[in-house]
Amino acid sequence: MITSPLDVAAHWAIPPSRVWDQVSIRDDSVRVMARLLEALPTREREAVIRFYVQEESAEEIERDLGLTAHEFRRIKSRIRKRFAELTAELVAPVECA
């Protein structure tokens, strides 16, 4: 059962093959996802959790939450984009002077 945004965030962590310090980056990405989920309106948070974690069908979620297919796609797109932006900052190269 999902009890907190951290439960969900663990499922969205950066793939370990993309990072050097796997544990640190994964922990950071889990925190990023938790913050993203906490910032979402309740209905959007529920839609994201049900789709990505509980693996319910888009049609079922749309029907239950009164979303159009277009609205649901936009919700998923926004959160994926924002998560990618925030996690990219975690692995951005640092220039040494």
PDB file of N, CA and C in Angstrom:
ATOM      1  N   MET A   1       0.833  -1.178   0.000  1.00  0.00           N
ATOM      2  CA  MET A   1       0.000   0.000   0.000  1.00  0.00           C
ATOM      3  C   MET A   1       0.883   1.248   0.000  1.00  0.00           C
ATOM      4  N   ILE A   2       0.480   2.255  -0.732  1.00  0.00           N
ATOM      5  CA  ILE A   2       1.202   3.509  -0.800  1.00  0.00           C
ATOM      6  C   ILE A   2       0.823   4.338   0.424  1.00  0.00           C
ATOM      7  N   THR A   3       1.822   4.695   1.225  1.00  0.00           N
ATOM      8  CA  THR A   3       1.536   5.471   2.424  1.00  0.00           C
ATOM      9  C   THR A   3       2.139   6.861   2.389  1.00  0.00           C
ATOM     10  N   SER A   4       3.087   7.081   1.481  1.00  0.00           N
ATOM     11  CA  SER A   4       3.702   8.402   1.405  1.00  0.00           C
ATOM     12  C   SER A   4       4.303   8.621   0.023  1.00  0.00           C
ATOM     13  N   PRO A   5       4.579   9.875  -0.335  1.00  0.00           N
ATOM     14  CA  PRO A   5       5.236  10.138  -1.608  1.00  0.00           C
ATOM     15  C   PRO A   5       6.581   9.433  -1.738  1.00  0.00           C
ATOM     16  N   LEU A   6       7.270   9.176  -0.626  1.00  0.00           N
ATOM     17  CA  LEU A   6       8.546   8.466  -0.709  1.00  0.00           C
ATOM     18  C   LEU A   6       8.363   7.041  -1.206  1.00  0.00           C
ATOM     19  N   ASP A   7       7.240   6.402  -0.886  1.00  0.00           N
ATOM     20  CA  ASP A   7       6.971   5.062  -1.393  1.00  0.00           C
ATOM     21  C   ASP A   7       6.917   5.060  -2.915  1.00  0.00           C
ATOM     22  N   VAL A   8       6.305   6.075  -3.464  1.00  0.00           N
ATOM     23  CA  VAL A   8       6.183   6.190  -4.907  1.00  0.00           C
ATOM     24  C   VAL A   8       7.510   6.590  -5.521  1.00  0.00           C
ATOM     25  N   ALA A   9       8.189   7.509  -4.884  1.00  0.00           N
ATOM     26  CA  ALA A   9       9.423   8.056  -5.442  1.00  0.00           C
ATOM     27  C   ALA A   9      10.465   6.986  -5.697  1.00  0.00           C
ATOM     28  N   ALA A  10      10.511   5.980  -4.885  1.00  0.00           N
ATOM     29  CA  ALA A  10      11.501   4.923  -5.061  1.00  0.00           C
ATOM     30  C   ALA A  10      11.362   4.239  -6.420  1.00  0.00           C
ATOM     31  N   HIS A  11      10.165   4.229  -6.970  1.00  0.00           N
ATOM     32  CA  HIS A  11       9.929   3.604  -8.265  1.00  0.00           C
ATOM     33  C   HIS A  11      10.410   4.456  -9.431  1.00  0.00           C
ATOM     34  N   TRP A  12      10.693   5.735  -9.197  1.00  0.00           N
ATOM     35  CA  TRP A  12      11.062   6.660 -10.258  1.00  0.00           C
ATOM     36  C   TRP A  12      12.539   7.012 -10.245  1.00  0.00           C
ATOM     37  N   ALA A  13      13.327   6.320  -9.481  1.00  0.00           N
ATOM     38  CA  ALA A  13      14.737   6.670  -9.326  1.00  0.00           C
ATOM     39  C   ALA A  13      15.483   6.543 -10.649  1.00  0.00           C
ATOM     40  N   ILE A  14      16.564   7.281 -10.761  1.00  0.00           N
ATOM     41  CA  ILE A  14      17.405   7.240 -11.956  1.00  0.00           C
ATOM     42  C   ILE A  14      17.967   5.835 -12.120  1.00  0.00           C
ATOM     43  N   PRO A  15      17.976   5.299 -13.357  1.00  0.00           N
ATOM     44  CA  PRO A  15      18.581   3.977 -13.567  1.00  0.00           C
ATOM     45  C   PRO A  15      20.046   3.995 -13.131  1.00  0.00           C
ATOM     46  N   PRO A  16      20.476   3.013 -12.355  1.00  0.00           N
ATOM     47  CA  PRO A  16      21.844   3.010 -11.845  1.00  0.00           C
ATOM     48  C   PRO A  16      22.916   3.074 -12.927  1.00  0.00           C
ATOM     49  N   SER A  17      22.638   2.571 -14.115  1.00  0.00           N
ATOM     50  CA  SER A  17      23.636   2.589 -15.183  1.00  0.00           C
ATOM     51  C   SER A  17      23.991   3.995 -15.636  1.00  0.00           C
ATOM     52  N   ARG A  18      23.189   4.993 -15.283  1.00  0.00           N
ATOM     53  CA  ARG A  18      23.424   6.369 -15.710  1.00  0.00           C
ATOM     54  C   ARG A  18      24.279   7.170 -14.752  1.00  0.00           C
ATOM     55  N   VAL A  19      24.638   6.608 -13.626  1.00  0.00           N
ATOM     56  CA  VAL A  19      25.316   7.418 -12.616  1.00  0.00           C
ATOM     57  C   VAL A  19      26.567   6.730 -12.104  1.00  0.00           C
ATOM     58  N   TRP A  20      27.459   7.547 -11.522  1.00  0.00           N
ATOM     59  CA  TRP A  20      28.678   7.003 -10.933  1.00  0.00           C
ATOM     60  C   TRP A  20      28.460   6.656  -9.479  1.00  0.00           C
ATOM     61  N   ASP A  21      27.901   7.536  -8.753  1.00  0.00           N
ATOM     62  CA  ASP A  21      27.656   7.320  -7.335  1.00  0.00           C
ATOM     63  C   ASP A  21      26.201   6.903  -7.182  1.00  0.00           C
ATOM     64  N   GLN A  22      25.924   5.639  -7.434  1.00  0.00           N
ATOM     65  CA  GLN A  22      24.552   5.150  -7.547  1.00  0.00           C
ATOM     66  C   GLN A  22      23.715   5.402  -6.302  1.00  0.00           C
ATOM     67  N   VAL A  23      24.230   5.139  -5.156  1.00  0.00           N
ATOM     68  CA  VAL A  23      23.443   5.273  -3.936  1.00  0.00           C
ATOM     69  C   VAL A  23      23.066   6.723  -3.686  1.00  0.00           C
ATOM     70  N   SER A  24      24.040   7.618  -3.779  1.00  0.00           N
ATOM     71  CA  SER A  24      23.777   9.028  -3.525  1.00  0.00           C
ATOM     72  C   SER A  24      22.769   9.602  -4.509  1.00  0.00           C
ATOM     73  N   ILE A  25      22.954   9.321  -5.786  1.00  0.00           N
ATOM     74  CA  ILE A  25      22.057   9.849  -6.804  1.00  0.00           C
ATOM     75  C   ILE A  25      20.662   9.262  -6.640  1.00  0.00           C
ATOM     76  N   ARG A  26      20.571   7.978  -6.363  1.00  0.00           N
ATOM     77  CA  ARG A  26      19.252   7.365  -6.172  1.00  0.00           C
ATOM     78  C   ARG A  26      18.536   8.016  -4.994  1.00  0.00           C
ATOM     79  N   ASP A  27      19.224   8.210  -3.902  1.00  0.00           N
ATOM     80  CA  ASP A  27      18.613   8.855  -2.744  1.00  0.00           C
ATOM     81  C   ASP A  27      18.125  10.254  -3.101  1.00  0.00           C
ATOM     82  N   ASP A  28      18.948  11.007  -3.832  1.00  0.00           N
ATOM     83  CA  ASP A  28      18.554  12.355  -4.245  1.00  0.00           C
ATOM     84  C   ASP A  28      17.337  12.319  -5.161  1.00  0.00           C
ATOM     85  N   SER A  29      17.309  11.370  -6.088  1.00  0.00           N
ATOM     86  CA  SER A  29      16.183  11.306  -7.017  1.00  0.00           C
ATOM     87  C   SER A  29      14.900  10.901  -6.302  1.00  0.00           C
ATOM     88  N   VAL A  30      15.003  10.079  -5.288  1.00  0.00           N
ATOM     89  CA  VAL A  30      13.831   9.711  -4.489  1.00  0.00           C
ATOM     90  C   VAL A  30      13.289  10.947  -3.777  1.00  0.00           C
ATOM     91  N   ARG A  31      14.188  11.765  -3.241  1.00  0.00           N
ATOM     92  CA  ARG A  31      13.751  12.995  -2.581  1.00  0.00           C
ATOM     93  C   ARG A  31      13.097  13.958  -3.575  1.00  0.00           C
ATOM     94  N   VAL A  32      13.666  14.046  -4.785  1.00  0.00           N
ATOM     95  CA  VAL A  32      13.092  14.908  -5.830  1.00  0.00           C
ATOM     96  C   VAL A  32      11.677  14.452  -6.148  1.00  0.00           C
ATOM     97  N   MET A  33      11.484  13.149  -6.345  1.00  0.00           N
ATOM     98  CA  MET A  33      10.161  12.643  -6.688  1.00  0.00           C
ATOM     99  C   MET A  33       9.183  12.870  -5.546  1.00  0.00           C
ATOM    100  N   ALA A  34       9.628  12.698  -4.326  1.00  0.00           N
ATOM    101  CA  ALA A  34       8.734  12.932  -3.186  1.00  0.00           C
ATOM    102  C   ALA A  34       8.261  14.385  -3.177  1.00  0.00           C
ATOM    103  N   ARG A  35       9.189  15.316  -3.428  1.00  0.00           N
ATOM    104  CA  ARG A  35       8.802  16.734  -3.469  1.00  0.00           C
ATOM    105  C   ARG A  35       7.841  17.010  -4.617  1.00  0.00           C
ATOM    106  N   LEU A  36       8.102  16.406  -5.779  1.00  0.00           N
ATOM    107  CA  LEU A  36       7.201  16.602  -6.915  1.00  0.00           C
ATOM    108  C   LEU A  36       5.799  16.102  -6.595  1.00  0.00           C
ATOM    109  N   LEU A  37       5.712  14.925  -6.023  1.00  0.00           N
ATOM    110  CA  LEU A  37       4.402  14.355  -5.701  1.00  0.00           C
ATOM    111  C   LEU A  37       3.675  15.178  -4.647  1.00  0.00           C
ATOM    112  N   GLU A  38       4.396  15.649  -3.651  1.00  0.00           N
ATOM    113  CA  GLU A  38       3.767  16.453  -2.607  1.00  0.00           C
ATOM    114  C   GLU A  38       3.223  17.763  -3.166  1.00  0.00           C
ATOM    115  N   ALA A  39       3.867  18.281  -4.223  1.00  0.00           N
ATOM    116  CA  ALA A  39       3.453  19.559  -4.802  1.00  0.00           C
ATOM    117  C   ALA A  39       2.244  19.422  -5.726  1.00  0.00           C
ATOM    118  N   LEU A  40       1.944  18.214  -6.155  1.00  0.00           N
ATOM    119  CA  LEU A  40       0.819  18.013  -7.074  1.00  0.00           C
ATOM    120  C   LEU A  40      -0.514  18.164  -6.358  1.00  0.00           C
ATOM    121  N   PRO A  41      -1.508  18.661  -7.082  1.00  0.00           N
ATOM    122  CA  PRO A  41      -2.869  18.625  -6.533  1.00  0.00           C
ATOM    123  C   PRO A  41      -3.264  17.166  -6.267  1.00  0.00           C
ATOM    124  N   THR A  42      -4.140  16.955  -5.332  1.00  0.00           N
ATOM    125  CA  THR A  42      -4.523  15.603  -4.900  1.00  0.00           C
ATOM    126  C   THR A  42      -4.940  14.708  -6.058  1.00  0.00           C
ATOM    127  N   ARG A  43      -5.777  15.205  -6.942  1.00  0.00           N
ATOM    128  CA  ARG A  43      -6.276  14.379  -8.050  1.00  0.00           C
ATOM    129  C   ARG A  43      -5.142  13.969  -8.987  1.00  0.00           C
ATOM    130  N   GLU A  44      -4.216  14.886  -9.276  1.00  0.00           N
ATOM    131  CA  GLU A  44      -3.096  14.559 -10.150  1.00  0.00           C
ATOM    132  C   GLU A  44      -2.154  13.567  -9.473  1.00  0.00           C
ATOM    133  N   ARG A  45      -1.908  13.765  -8.179  1.00  0.00           N
ATOM    134  CA  ARG A  45      -1.053  12.833  -7.442  1.00  0.00           C
ATOM    135  C   ARG A  45      -1.647  11.430  -7.483  1.00  0.00           C
ATOM    136  N   GLU A  46      -2.951  11.342  -7.250  1.00  0.00           N
ATOM    137  CA  GLU A  46      -3.606  10.034  -7.276  1.00  0.00           C
ATOM    138  C   GLU A  46      -3.478   9.389  -8.652  1.00  0.00           C
ATOM    139  N   ALA A  47      -3.662  10.171  -9.705  1.00  0.00           N
ATOM    140  CA  ALA A  47      -3.574   9.640 -11.064  1.00  0.00           C
ATOM    141  C   ALA A  47      -2.181   9.084 -11.344  1.00  0.00           C
ATOM    142  N   VAL A  48      -1.159   9.828 -10.963  1.00  0.00           N
ATOM    143  CA  VAL A  48       0.226   9.412 -11.205  1.00  0.00           C
ATOM    144  C   VAL A  48       0.556   8.141 -10.424  1.00  0.00           C
ATOM    145  N   ILE A  49       0.184   8.102  -9.159  1.00  0.00           N
ATOM    146  CA  ILE A  49       0.463   6.929  -8.332  1.00  0.00           C
ATOM    147  C   ILE A  49      -0.267   5.703  -8.875  1.00  0.00           C
ATOM    148  N   ARG A  50      -1.518   5.875  -9.208  1.00  0.00           N
ATOM    149  CA  ARG A  50      -2.291   4.730  -9.705  1.00  0.00           C
ATOM    150  C   ARG A  50      -1.746   4.208 -11.023  1.00  0.00           C
ATOM    151  N   PHE A  51      -1.270   5.094 -11.874  1.00  0.00           N
ATOM    152  CA  PHE A  51      -0.772   4.662 -13.185  1.00  0.00           C
ATOM    153  C   PHE A  51       0.624   4.037 -13.087  1.00  0.00           C
ATOM    154  N   TYR A  52       1.566   4.739 -12.474  1.00  0.00           N
ATOM    155  CA  TYR A  52       2.951   4.297 -12.479  1.00  0.00           C
ATOM    156  C   TYR A  52       3.301   3.286 -11.399  1.00  0.00           C
ATOM    157  N   VAL A  53       2.650   3.332 -10.268  1.00  0.00           N
ATOM    158  CA  VAL A  53       2.999   2.438  -9.178  1.00  0.00           C
ATOM    159  C   VAL A  53       2.033   1.256  -9.109  1.00  0.00           C
ATOM    160  N   GLN A  54       0.750   1.570  -9.123  1.00  0.00           N
ATOM    161  CA  GLN A  54      -0.241   0.508  -9.010  1.00  0.00           C
ATOM    162  C   GLN A  54      -0.581  -0.111 -10.361  1.00  0.00           C
ATOM    163  N   GLU A  55      -0.051   0.484 -11.430  1.00  0.00           N
ATOM    164  CA  GLU A  55      -0.179  -0.030 -12.794  1.00  0.00           C
ATOM    165  C   GLU A  55      -1.624  -0.236 -13.243  1.00  0.00           C
ATOM    166  N   GLU A  56      -2.483   0.707 -12.870  1.00  0.00           N
ATOM    167  CA  GLU A  56      -3.858   0.669 -13.344  1.00  0.00           C
ATOM    168  C   GLU A  56      -3.913   1.227 -14.759  1.00  0.00           C
ATOM    169  N   SER A  57      -4.944   0.871 -15.480  1.00  0.00           N
ATOM    170  CA  SER A  57      -5.071   1.349 -16.859  1.00  0.00           C
ATOM    171  C   SER A  57      -5.447   2.828 -16.894  1.00  0.00           C
ATOM    172  N   ALA A  58      -4.996   3.494 -17.943  1.00  0.00           N
ATOM    173  CA  ALA A  58      -5.313   4.913 -18.119  1.00  0.00           C
ATOM    174  C   ALA A  58      -6.823   5.116 -18.184  1.00  0.00           C
ATOM    175  N   GLU A  59      -7.508   4.230 -18.877  1.00  0.00           N
ATOM    176  CA  GLU A  59      -8.955   4.362 -19.039  1.00  0.00           C
ATOM    177  C   GLU A  59      -9.678   4.305 -17.698  1.00  0.00           C
ATOM    178  N   GLU A  60      -9.240   3.392 -16.833  1.00  0.00           N
ATOM    179  CA  GLU A  60      -9.871   3.258 -15.521  1.00  0.00           C
ATOM    180  C   GLU A  60      -9.637   4.520 -14.674  1.00  0.00           C
ATOM    181  N   ILE A  61      -8.417   5.024 -14.698  1.00  0.00           N
ATOM    182  CA  ILE A  61      -8.075   6.218 -13.926  1.00  0.00           C
ATOM    183  C   ILE A  61      -8.848   7.428 -14.449  1.00  0.00           C
ATOM    184  N   GLU A  62      -8.873   7.586 -15.755  1.00  0.00           N
ATOM    185  CA  GLU A  62      -9.605   8.705 -16.365  1.00  0.00           C
ATOM    186  C   GLU A  62     -11.081   8.674 -15.963  1.00  0.00           C
ATOM    187  N   ARG A  63     -11.673   7.502 -16.023  1.00  0.00           N
ATOM    188  CA  ARG A  63     -13.089   7.354 -15.672  1.00  0.00           C
ATOM    189  C   ARG A  63     -13.328   7.683 -14.198  1.00  0.00           C
ATOM    190  N   ASP A  64     -12.509   7.091 -13.330  1.00  0.00           N
ATOM    191  CA  ASP A  64     -12.693   7.286 -11.883  1.00  0.00           C
ATOM    192  C   ASP A  64     -12.469   8.729 -11.443  1.00  0.00           C
ATOM    193  N   LEU A  65     -11.510   9.409 -12.085  1.00  0.00           N
ATOM    194  CA  LEU A  65     -11.150  10.770 -11.652  1.00  0.00           C
ATOM    195  C   LEU A  65     -11.772  11.859 -12.515  1.00  0.00           C
ATOM    196  N   GLY A  66     -12.565  11.458 -13.505  1.00  0.00           N
ATOM    197  CA  GLY A  66     -13.225  12.435 -14.354  1.00  0.00           C
ATOM    198  C   GLY A  66     -12.271  13.209 -15.241  1.00  0.00           C
ATOM    199  N   LEU A  67     -11.225  12.540 -15.717  1.00  0.00           N
ATOM    200  CA  LEU A  67     -10.243  13.171 -16.600  1.00  0.00           C
ATOM    201  C   LEU A  67     -10.481  12.749 -18.037  1.00  0.00           C
ATOM    202  N   THR A  68     -10.196  13.653 -18.966  1.00  0.00           N
ATOM    203  CA  THR A  68     -10.184  13.249 -20.369  1.00  0.00           C
ATOM    204  C   THR A  68      -8.837  12.596 -20.637  1.00  0.00           C
ATOM    205  N   ALA A  69      -8.742  11.858 -21.744  1.00  0.00           N
ATOM    206  CA  ALA A  69      -7.467  11.234 -22.121  1.00  0.00           C
ATOM    207  C   ALA A  69      -6.392  12.302 -22.291  1.00  0.00           C
ATOM    208  N   HIS A  70      -6.778  13.423 -22.882  1.00  0.00           N
ATOM    209  CA  HIS A  70      -5.832  14.518 -23.090  1.00  0.00           C
ATOM    210  C   HIS A  70      -5.329  15.079 -21.757  1.00  0.00           C
ATOM    211  N   GLU A  71      -6.224  15.291 -20.807  1.00  0.00           N
ATOM    212  CA  GLU A  71      -5.824  15.809 -19.496  1.00  0.00           C
ATOM    213  C   GLU A  71      -4.848  14.853 -18.805  1.00  0.00           C
ATOM    214  N   PHE A  72      -5.141  13.566 -18.880  1.00  0.00           N
ATOM    215  CA  PHE A  72      -4.286  12.580 -18.224  1.00  0.00           C
ATOM    216  C   PHE A  72      -2.906  12.533 -18.875  1.00  0.00           C
ATOM    217  N   ARG A  73      -2.850  12.594 -20.197  1.00  0.00           N
ATOM    218  CA  ARG A  73      -1.552  12.625 -20.896  1.00  0.00           C
ATOM    219  C   ARG A  73      -0.744  13.846 -20.475  1.00  0.00           C
ATOM    220  N   ARG A  74      -1.410  14.989 -20.337  1.00  0.00           N
ATOM    221  CA  ARG A  74      -0.714  16.216 -19.930  1.00  0.00           C
ATOM    222  C   ARG A  74      -0.157  16.090 -18.515  1.00  0.00           C
ATOM    223  N   ILE A  75      -0.907  15.487 -17.619  1.00  0.00           N
ATOM    224  CA  ILE A  75      -0.428  15.284 -16.238  1.00  0.00           C
ATOM    225  C   ILE A  75       0.843  14.440 -16.258  1.00  0.00           C
ATOM    226  N   LYS A  76       0.788  13.307 -16.973  1.00  0.00           N
ATOM    227  CA  LYS A  76       1.952  12.419 -17.033  1.00  0.00           C
ATOM    228  C   LYS A  76       3.141  13.104 -17.690  1.00  0.00           C
ATOM    229  N   SER A  77       2.881  13.839 -18.736  1.00  0.00           N
ATOM    230  CA  SER A  77       3.953  14.520 -19.456  1.00  0.00           C
ATOM    231  C   SER A  77       4.629  15.571 -18.578  1.00  0.00           C
ATOM    232  N   ARG A  78       3.837  16.365 -17.877  1.00  0.00           N
ATOM    233  CA  ARG A  78       4.400  17.412 -17.016  1.00  0.00           C
ATOM    234  C   ARG A  78       5.284  16.842 -15.917  1.00  0.00           C
ATOM    235  N   ILE A  79       4.826  15.783 -15.274  1.00  0.00           N
ATOM    236  CA  ILE A  79       5.613  15.248 -14.161  1.00  0.00           C
ATOM    237  C   ILE A  79       6.871  14.554 -14.675  1.00  0.00           C
ATOM    238  N   ARG A  80       6.791  13.858 -15.800  1.00  0.00           N
ATOM    239  CA  ARG A  80       7.998  13.232 -16.364  1.00  0.00           C
ATOM    240  C   ARG A  80       9.026  14.285 -16.756  1.00  0.00           C
ATOM    241  N   LYS A  81       8.556  15.365 -17.381  1.00  0.00           N
ATOM    242  CA  LYS A  81       9.461  16.429 -17.808  1.00  0.00           C
ATOM    243  C   LYS A  81      10.131  17.088 -16.612  1.00  0.00           C
ATOM    244  N   ARG A  82       9.350  17.427 -15.602  1.00  0.00           N
ATOM    245  CA  ARG A  82       9.905  18.100 -14.428  1.00  0.00           C
ATOM    246  C   ARG A  82      10.867  17.186 -13.679  1.00  0.00           C
ATOM    247  N   PHE A  83      10.541  15.909 -13.568  1.00  0.00           N
ATOM    248  CA  PHE A  83      11.430  14.959 -12.900  1.00  0.00           C
ATOM    249  C   PHE A  83      12.740  14.845 -13.665  1.00  0.00           C
ATOM    250  N   ALA A  84      12.670  14.763 -14.982  1.00  0.00           N
ATOM    251  CA  ALA A  84      13.883  14.674 -15.798  1.00  0.00           C
ATOM    252  C   ALA A  84      14.755  15.914 -15.625  1.00  0.00           C
ATOM    253  N   GLU A  85      14.126  17.076 -15.594  1.00  0.00           N
ATOM    254  CA  GLU A  85      14.886  18.322 -15.399  1.00  0.00           C
ATOM    255  C   GLU A  85      15.593  18.333 -14.051  1.00  0.00           C
ATOM    256  N   LEU A  86      14.880  17.975 -13.014  1.00  0.00           N
ATOM    257  CA  LEU A  86      15.452  18.028 -11.671  1.00  0.00           C
ATOM    258  C   LEU A  86      16.526  16.966 -11.460  1.00  0.00           C
ATOM    259  N   THR A  87      16.323  15.772 -11.987  1.00  0.00           N
ATOM    260  CA  THR A  87      17.332  14.725 -11.808  1.00  0.00           C
ATOM    261  C   THR A  87      18.542  14.969 -12.697  1.00  0.00           C
ATOM    262  N   ALA A  88      18.371  15.629 -13.833  1.00  0.00           N
ATOM    263  CA  ALA A  88      19.522  15.959 -14.677  1.00  0.00           C
ATOM    264  C   ALA A  88      20.477  16.871 -13.923  1.00  0.00           C
ATOM    265  N   GLU A  89      19.932  17.733 -13.089  1.00  0.00           N
ATOM    266  CA  GLU A  89      20.763  18.613 -12.278  1.00  0.00           C
ATOM    267  C   GLU A  89      21.612  17.814 -11.293  1.00  0.00           C
ATOM    268  N   LEU A  90      21.137  16.656 -10.888  1.00  0.00           N
ATOM    269  CA  LEU A  90      21.888  15.830  -9.939  1.00  0.00           C
ATOM    270  C   LEU A  90      23.141  15.240 -10.554  1.00  0.00           C
ATOM    271  N   VAL A  91      23.114  14.985 -11.860  1.00  0.00           N
ATOM    272  CA  VAL A  91      24.244  14.336 -12.523  1.00  0.00           C
ATOM    273  C   VAL A  91      24.969  15.265 -13.484  1.00  0.00           C
ATOM    274  N   ALA A  92      24.658  16.550 -13.446  1.00  0.00           N
ATOM    275  CA  ALA A  92      25.308  17.517 -14.328  1.00  0.00           C
ATOM    276  C   ALA A  92      26.792  17.568 -14.007  1.00  0.00           C
ATOM    277  N   PRO A  93      27.641  17.597 -15.047  1.00  0.00           N
ATOM    278  CA  PRO A  93      29.085  17.669 -14.806  1.00  0.00           C
ATOM    279  C   PRO A  93      29.465  18.999 -14.164  1.00  0.00           C
ATOM    280  N   VAL A  94      30.460  18.939 -13.335  1.00  0.00           N
ATOM    281  CA  VAL A  94      30.962  20.130 -12.660  1.00  0.00           C
ATOM    282  C   VAL A  94      32.300  20.489 -13.288  1.00  0.00           C
ATOM    283  N   GLU A  95      32.448  21.735 -13.713  1.00  0.00           N
ATOM    284  CA  GLU A  95      33.702  22.176 -14.297  1.00  0.00           C
ATOM    285  C   GLU A  95      34.694  22.537 -13.224  1.00  0.00           C
ATOM    286  N   CYS A  96      35.922  22.079 -13.399  1.00  0.00           N
ATOM    287  CA  CYS A  96      36.994  22.406 -12.454  1.00  0.00           C
ATOM    288  C   CYS A  96      37.851  23.524 -13.060  1.00  0.00           C
ATOM    289  N   ALA A  97      38.183  24.503 -12.262  1.00  0.00           N
ATOM    290  CA  ALA A  97      38.991  25.613 -12.766  1.00  0.00           C
ATOM    291  C   ALA A  97      40.459  25.368 -12.572  1.00  0.00           C
TER     292      ALA A  97
END
